[in-house]
Amino acid sequence: MFKSVITAAGLLAIAVPAFADPLPSWNDTAAKARIIAFVEDVTDPGSADYVTPAERIATFDNDGTLWAEQPLYFQLIFAIDVIAAMAADDPSILTSDTLRAAAARDYKTVIAGGKPAIIEVMKLSHSGMPVGTFQARVADWLASATHPETGLRYDRMTYQPMVELLRYLRDEGFKTYIVSGGGIHFMRVFAEDAYGIPPEQVIGTYTETDYAVIDGIPTITKAPAIGFVDDKDGKPVNIERIIGRRPIIAGGNSDGDFAMLEWSTAGDGPRLGLIVHHTDGSREYAYDRDSHIGRLVDGLDRGPELGWLIVDMAQDWSRIYTGK
């Protein structure tokens, strides 16, 4: 694509390349300028900060960073919906107050039960079935379930500016990963369609799994035990274990991502830590320090002194959701 430029004399039109904006849903603020400047710097072979393609690793949290997470994590909403459906067929599964609350879709009571309640809900809804069966259930849910406040399908509540950022990075030779506290088998269902990130580049929390030949078919089944929680300190541990390289870009939105950004930006050479700050109460949600989900304290207090970019959703994004 080209554009015409008129000389000072107003006599001559010169054709020069006109490059498309790589981040069209980002406002022209300092945040967008810093991201583009960083990417251009590390991908320019003539730059002192040039980074080879093999080392261009970028990791991003999912909940609250790539898609929304209010009024509670979407995977937990899925789990509660599953229990409600299971209980309709067999009420005897409701052996606790937590499970009875889940069957009634009483989100507040489930959340009030804290981590033990959430684990109880997740174990019942996420285990005792082949991985393929579980993922088919997730796909069916994503195709039909809608958010209680926006009315959008959950996979349409991805953040358009972040989808553009992921695409831009890949166009510039980066390998993009999800590193999230969400379930690995859950996220792998939609990550490629939603973000262009293939299943093998999705890192998350996982249950134990068992292998057996069932009715002549080799099968991997999800067990009720949690194998690894990919949150907080677990994120850099899992990145080192699975990727084997320290990212040069890391993005998150909560203190659950702090260790990932801290470790990533502590490496040698150019580094970019990015925090998505939920400041837009009209188009999305406004929350940080006191939120029951996506609590952000250390990232706000210490992020700037560590050189991290704090993205203000209300100021820096012209659009929020991919589906709206």
Protein backbone atom coordinates (compact mmCIF):
# COMPACT_ATOMS: atom_id res chain seq x y z
CA MET A 1 0.00 0.00 0.00
CA PHE A 2 1.31 3.49 -0.84
CA LYS A 3 0.52 7.08 -0.06
CA SER A 4 1.36 10.32 -1.83
CA VAL A 5 3.61 12.95 -0.28
CA ILE A 6 3.70 16.54 -1.57
CA THR A 7 6.98 18.42 -1.46
CA ALA A 8 7.32 21.82 0.19
CA ALA A 9 6.98 23.41 -3.24
CA GLY A 10 3.68 21.61 -3.71
CA LEU A 11 4.75 20.37 -7.13
CA LEU A 12 5.74 16.74 -6.82
CA ALA A 13 3.90 13.67 -5.52
CA ILE A 14 6.16 10.87 -4.33
CA ALA A 15 4.94 7.36 -3.68
CA VAL A 16 6.24 5.90 -0.40
CA PRO A 17 5.14 2.82 1.54
CA ALA A 18 2.29 3.35 4.02
CA PHE A 19 2.38 0.63 6.64
CA ALA A 20 -0.74 -0.65 8.39
CA ASP A 21 -1.13 0.05 12.07
CA PRO A 22 -0.21 -3.22 13.88
CA LEU A 23 -2.34 -2.27 16.92
CA PRO A 24 -5.46 -0.52 15.58
CA SER A 25 -7.51 -1.02 18.77
CA TRP A 26 -4.88 0.71 20.88
CA ASN A 27 -5.16 4.47 21.25
CA ASP A 28 -2.14 6.53 20.27
CA THR A 29 -0.80 6.79 23.80
CA ALA A 30 2.59 6.25 25.38
CA ALA A 31 1.72 2.59 26.02
CA LYS A 32 1.25 1.78 22.34
CA ALA A 33 4.35 3.75 21.38
CA ARG A 34 6.45 1.89 23.95
CA ILE A 35 5.29 -1.53 22.78
CA ILE A 36 6.00 -0.77 19.13
CA ALA A 37 9.36 0.82 19.93
CA PHE A 38 10.39 -2.24 21.95
CA VAL A 39 9.38 -4.69 19.21
CA GLU A 40 11.09 -2.67 16.51
CA ASP A 41 14.25 -2.42 18.60
CA VAL A 42 14.61 -6.13 19.35
CA THR A 43 13.79 -7.20 15.78
CA ASP A 44 16.13 -4.77 14.00
CA PRO A 45 19.39 -6.56 13.11
CA GLY A 46 21.14 -3.19 13.20
CA SER A 47 20.07 -2.49 16.78
CA ALA A 48 22.34 -3.01 19.77
CA ASP A 49 19.32 -4.66 21.44
CA TYR A 50 18.63 -7.12 18.62
CA VAL A 51 17.24 -10.45 19.80
CA THR A 52 17.43 -13.55 17.61
CA PRO A 53 14.09 -15.14 16.66
CA ALA A 54 14.81 -18.22 18.78
CA GLU A 55 14.93 -16.01 21.89
CA ARG A 56 11.82 -13.97 21.10
CA ILE A 57 9.58 -15.61 23.69
CA ALA A 58 6.45 -13.85 24.96
CA THR A 59 4.24 -15.25 27.72
CA PHE A 60 0.81 -14.00 28.75
CA ASP A 61 -1.65 -14.82 31.48
CA ASN A 62 -5.15 -15.62 30.21
CA ASP A 63 -7.84 -14.67 32.76
CA GLY A 64 -8.04 -10.88 32.98
CA THR A 65 -5.18 -10.45 30.50
CA LEU A 66 -6.42 -12.03 27.27
CA TRP A 67 -10.09 -12.38 28.17
CA ALA A 68 -12.38 -11.16 30.94
CA GLU A 69 -12.58 -12.76 34.38
CA GLN A 70 -15.54 -11.11 36.14
CA PRO A 71 -17.81 -11.78 38.00
CA LEU A 72 -15.73 -14.94 38.43
CA TYR A 73 -13.34 -17.01 36.37
CA PHE A 74 -15.07 -18.37 33.28
CA GLN A 75 -13.74 -21.86 33.91
CA LEU A 76 -15.42 -21.83 37.31
CA ILE A 77 -18.70 -20.75 35.70
CA PHE A 78 -18.29 -23.71 33.35
CA ALA A 79 -17.69 -26.04 36.30
CA ILE A 80 -20.78 -24.79 38.10
CA ASP A 81 -22.87 -25.24 34.96
CA VAL A 82 -21.57 -28.80 34.65
CA ILE A 83 -22.51 -29.62 38.24
CA ALA A 84 -25.98 -28.15 37.75
CA ALA A 85 -26.47 -30.42 34.74
CA MET A 86 -25.08 -33.45 36.58
CA ALA A 87 -27.34 -32.81 39.57
CA ALA A 88 -30.40 -32.62 37.34
CA ASP A 89 -29.67 -36.20 36.28
CA ASP A 90 -28.49 -37.45 39.67
CA PRO A 91 -29.20 -35.31 42.76
CA SER A 92 -27.31 -37.76 44.97
CA ILE A 93 -24.01 -36.19 43.84
CA LEU A 94 -24.80 -33.12 45.94
CA THR A 95 -23.08 -34.29 49.10
CA SER A 96 -22.06 -30.91 50.54
CA ASP A 97 -23.29 -27.36 50.94
CA THR A 98 -20.75 -26.25 48.36
CA LEU A 99 -22.04 -28.66 45.73
CA ARG A 100 -25.65 -27.76 46.51
CA ALA A 101 -24.75 -24.09 46.05
CA ALA A 102 -23.04 -24.89 42.75
CA ALA A 103 -26.08 -26.78 41.49
CA ALA A 104 -28.18 -23.71 42.34
CA ARG A 105 -25.65 -21.50 40.55
CA ASP A 106 -25.13 -19.63 43.80
CA TYR A 107 -21.79 -18.07 42.86
CA LYS A 108 -21.45 -16.03 46.03
CA THR A 109 -21.69 -19.04 48.32
CA VAL A 110 -19.18 -21.01 46.27
CA ILE A 111 -16.71 -18.12 46.29
CA ALA A 112 -17.24 -17.56 50.02
CA GLY A 113 -16.06 -21.13 50.59
CA GLY A 114 -12.62 -20.12 49.39
CA LYS A 115 -10.05 -22.41 47.80
CA PRO A 116 -11.40 -25.67 49.35
CA ALA A 117 -14.86 -25.02 47.88
CA ILE A 118 -13.48 -24.18 44.46
CA ILE A 119 -11.31 -27.30 44.45
CA GLU A 120 -14.33 -29.42 45.40
CA VAL A 121 -16.33 -27.99 42.51
CA MET A 122 -13.48 -28.40 40.05
CA LYS A 123 -12.74 -31.99 41.06
CA LEU A 124 -16.30 -33.15 40.56
CA SER A 125 -16.77 -31.36 37.24
CA HIS A 126 -13.31 -31.93 35.75
CA SER A 127 -12.36 -35.52 36.55
CA GLY A 128 -13.37 -39.13 35.97
CA MET A 129 -13.57 -38.85 32.19
CA PRO A 130 -11.23 -39.07 29.18
CA VAL A 131 -9.52 -35.82 28.23
CA GLY A 132 -11.33 -35.88 24.89
CA THR A 133 -14.71 -36.18 26.56
CA PHE A 134 -13.92 -33.27 28.86
CA GLN A 135 -12.74 -31.07 26.01
CA ALA A 136 -15.83 -31.88 23.92
CA ARG A 137 -17.94 -30.77 26.90
CA VAL A 138 -15.97 -27.50 27.06
CA ALA A 139 -16.43 -26.91 23.33
CA ASP A 140 -20.19 -27.48 23.58
CA TRP A 141 -20.40 -25.05 26.51
CA LEU A 142 -18.43 -22.36 24.71
CA ALA A 143 -20.70 -22.71 21.68
CA SER A 144 -23.85 -22.05 23.68
CA ALA A 145 -23.23 -20.42 27.08
CA THR A 146 -23.38 -16.66 27.45
CA HIS A 147 -22.05 -14.26 30.06
CA PRO A 148 -24.66 -13.24 32.67
CA GLU A 149 -23.98 -9.51 32.24
CA THR A 150 -22.78 -8.88 28.68
CA GLY A 151 -24.83 -11.57 26.96
CA LEU A 152 -21.76 -12.43 24.87
CA ARG A 153 -20.39 -15.90 24.38
CA TYR A 154 -17.38 -16.32 26.61
CA ASP A 155 -15.00 -16.87 23.71
CA ARG A 156 -16.14 -13.50 22.29
CA MET A 157 -15.04 -11.73 25.47
CA THR A 158 -11.40 -11.91 24.47
CA TYR A 159 -9.68 -8.53 24.44
CA GLN A 160 -9.28 -7.26 20.89
CA PRO A 161 -6.20 -5.13 21.72
CA MET A 162 -4.44 -8.16 23.18
CA VAL A 163 -5.40 -10.38 20.24
CA GLU A 164 -3.80 -7.73 18.01
CA LEU A 165 -0.69 -7.66 20.19
CA LEU A 166 -0.30 -11.43 19.97
CA ARG A 167 -0.65 -11.30 16.18
CA TYR A 168 1.80 -8.42 15.92
CA LEU A 169 4.39 -10.27 17.97
CA ARG A 170 4.09 -13.41 15.86
CA ASP A 171 4.39 -11.34 12.69
CA GLU A 172 7.67 -10.05 14.10
CA GLY A 173 9.08 -13.50 14.80
CA PHE A 174 7.95 -14.03 18.39
CA LYS A 175 6.65 -17.29 19.78
CA THR A 176 3.62 -16.54 21.98
CA TYR A 177 2.57 -18.65 24.96
CA ILE A 178 -0.30 -18.65 27.44
CA VAL A 179 0.90 -19.18 31.02
CA SER A 180 -2.19 -19.16 33.19
CA GLY A 181 -3.67 -20.45 36.41
CA GLY A 182 -6.53 -21.76 34.28
CA GLY A 183 -6.80 -25.43 33.42
CA ILE A 184 -4.58 -26.58 30.58
CA HIS A 185 -7.21 -28.92 29.10
CA PHE A 186 -9.83 -26.18 29.33
CA MET A 187 -7.76 -23.48 27.60
CA ARG A 188 -6.47 -25.74 24.86
CA VAL A 189 -10.00 -26.07 23.53
CA PHE A 190 -10.23 -22.43 22.41
CA ALA A 191 -6.73 -20.91 22.50
CA GLU A 192 -5.87 -21.52 18.87
CA ASP A 193 -9.12 -20.14 17.46
CA ALA A 194 -9.28 -17.24 19.92
CA TYR A 195 -5.63 -16.19 20.03
CA GLY A 196 -3.72 -18.09 17.36
CA ILE A 197 -1.83 -19.96 20.09
CA PRO A 198 -1.60 -23.72 19.44
CA PRO A 199 -2.22 -26.28 22.21
CA GLU A 200 1.46 -27.05 22.72
CA GLN A 201 2.06 -23.40 23.65
CA VAL A 202 -0.59 -23.38 26.37
CA ILE A 203 0.77 -23.82 29.90
CA GLY A 204 -1.63 -24.05 32.82
CA THR A 205 -2.85 -25.83 35.90
CA TYR A 206 -3.48 -29.51 35.35
CA THR A 207 -5.05 -32.47 37.09
CA GLU A 208 -3.28 -35.79 37.32
CA THR A 209 -4.06 -38.08 34.41
CA ASP A 210 -4.06 -41.86 34.01
CA TYR A 211 -3.39 -43.99 30.95
CA ALA A 212 -5.26 -47.23 30.30
CA VAL A 213 -6.61 -49.26 27.41
CA ILE A 214 -10.38 -49.17 27.85
CA ASP A 215 -12.51 -51.42 25.61
CA GLY A 216 -9.52 -51.73 23.34
CA ILE A 217 -8.98 -47.96 23.06
CA PRO A 218 -5.85 -46.29 24.52
CA THR A 219 -7.27 -43.57 26.77
CA ILE A 220 -5.97 -40.77 28.97
CA THR A 221 -8.38 -40.01 31.82
CA LYS A 222 -8.52 -36.97 34.06
CA ALA A 223 -8.05 -37.91 37.74
CA PRO A 224 -9.42 -35.89 40.68
CA ALA A 225 -6.00 -34.98 42.09
CA ILE A 226 -4.39 -31.64 41.17
CA GLY A 227 -1.04 -32.22 39.48
CA PHE A 228 0.33 -28.67 39.38
CA VAL A 229 -1.07 -25.21 40.06
CA ASP A 230 0.27 -22.79 37.47
CA ASP A 231 -0.10 -19.60 39.49
CA LYS A 232 2.20 -17.17 41.33
CA ASP A 233 5.63 -18.80 41.81
CA GLY A 234 4.44 -21.76 39.77
CA LYS A 235 4.44 -19.69 36.60
CA PRO A 236 8.20 -19.08 36.26
CA VAL A 237 8.83 -22.64 37.46
CA ASN A 238 6.64 -24.04 34.70
CA ILE A 239 8.07 -21.68 32.06
CA GLU A 240 11.59 -22.84 32.88
CA ARG A 241 10.47 -26.48 32.93
CA ILE A 242 8.47 -26.46 29.70
CA ILE A 243 9.83 -23.65 27.51
CA GLY A 244 13.43 -23.66 28.73
CA ARG A 245 13.95 -20.00 27.87
CA ARG A 246 13.31 -16.85 29.87
CA PRO A 247 10.68 -14.71 28.08
CA ILE A 248 11.68 -11.24 26.92
CA ILE A 249 8.01 -10.14 27.09
CA ALA A 250 5.63 -11.15 29.87
CA GLY A 251 2.11 -9.86 30.40
CA GLY A 252 -0.40 -10.25 33.20
CA ASN A 253 -3.05 -8.38 35.16
CA SER A 254 -2.85 -9.50 38.77
CA ASP A 255 -0.45 -10.33 41.56
CA GLY A 256 -0.78 -13.95 40.52
CA ASP A 257 1.37 -12.91 37.55
CA PHE A 258 3.94 -10.95 39.57
CA ALA A 259 6.52 -13.73 39.81
CA MET A 260 6.33 -14.40 36.06
CA LEU A 261 6.95 -10.75 35.21
CA GLU A 262 9.60 -10.39 37.91
CA TRP A 263 11.58 -13.39 36.67
CA SER A 264 11.15 -12.56 32.99
CA THR A 265 12.26 -8.94 33.28
CA ALA A 266 15.22 -9.79 35.53
CA GLY A 267 17.05 -11.40 32.63
CA ASP A 268 19.87 -9.82 30.63
CA GLY A 269 19.15 -7.66 27.61
CA PRO A 270 15.93 -5.89 26.61
CA ARG A 271 12.83 -6.90 28.55
CA LEU A 272 9.22 -5.77 28.65
CA GLY A 273 6.85 -6.46 31.51
CA LEU A 274 3.21 -5.51 30.89
CA ILE A 275 0.33 -5.20 33.35
CA VAL A 276 -3.25 -4.84 32.10
CA HIS A 277 -4.92 -2.53 34.64
CA HIS A 278 -8.71 -2.83 34.72
CA THR A 279 -9.77 0.80 34.88
CA ASP A 280 -12.80 0.82 32.59
CA GLY A 281 -15.97 0.40 34.64
CA SER A 282 -18.23 1.45 31.77
CA ARG A 283 -17.01 -0.79 28.96
CA GLU A 284 -15.65 -3.61 31.13
CA TYR A 285 -14.92 -3.68 34.87
CA ALA A 286 -12.86 -1.46 37.16
CA TYR A 287 -10.98 -3.34 39.88
CA ASP A 288 -7.55 -3.85 41.39
CA ARG A 289 -6.57 -3.74 45.07
CA ASP A 290 -9.75 -4.99 46.72
CA SER A 291 -11.06 -7.35 44.08
CA HIS A 292 -11.96 -10.94 44.96
CA ILE A 293 -10.64 -11.88 41.51
CA GLY A 294 -7.60 -10.42 39.75
CA ARG A 295 -6.33 -8.60 42.85
CA LEU A 296 -3.57 -6.19 41.86
CA VAL A 297 -1.45 -4.59 44.57
CA ASP A 298 2.23 -5.46 44.11
CA GLY A 299 2.01 -4.94 40.36
CA LEU A 300 0.75 -1.39 40.85
CA ASP A 301 3.10 -0.53 43.72
CA ARG A 302 6.29 -2.12 42.45
CA GLY A 303 5.73 -2.53 38.72
CA PRO A 304 6.70 1.03 37.71
CA GLU A 305 9.97 0.94 39.65
CA LEU A 306 10.77 -2.37 37.94
CA GLY A 307 10.21 -0.70 34.58
CA TRP A 308 6.96 -2.46 33.75
CA LEU A 309 4.37 -0.93 31.45
CA ILE A 310 1.02 -0.41 33.18
CA VAL A 311 -1.68 -0.48 30.51
CA ASP A 312 -4.70 1.65 31.42
CA MET A 313 -7.64 -0.03 29.70
CA ALA A 314 -9.82 3.09 29.77
CA GLN A 315 -7.12 5.32 28.30
CA ASP A 316 -5.06 3.00 26.13
CA TRP A 317 -7.72 0.85 24.43
CA SER A 318 -10.26 2.15 21.91
CA ARG A 319 -12.07 -1.17 21.93
CA ILE A 320 -12.43 -3.90 24.55
CA TYR A 321 -14.03 -7.16 23.42
CA THR A 322 -13.44 -9.01 20.18
CA GLY A 323 -17.15 -9.75 19.95
CA LYS A 324 -18.40 -6.19 20.58
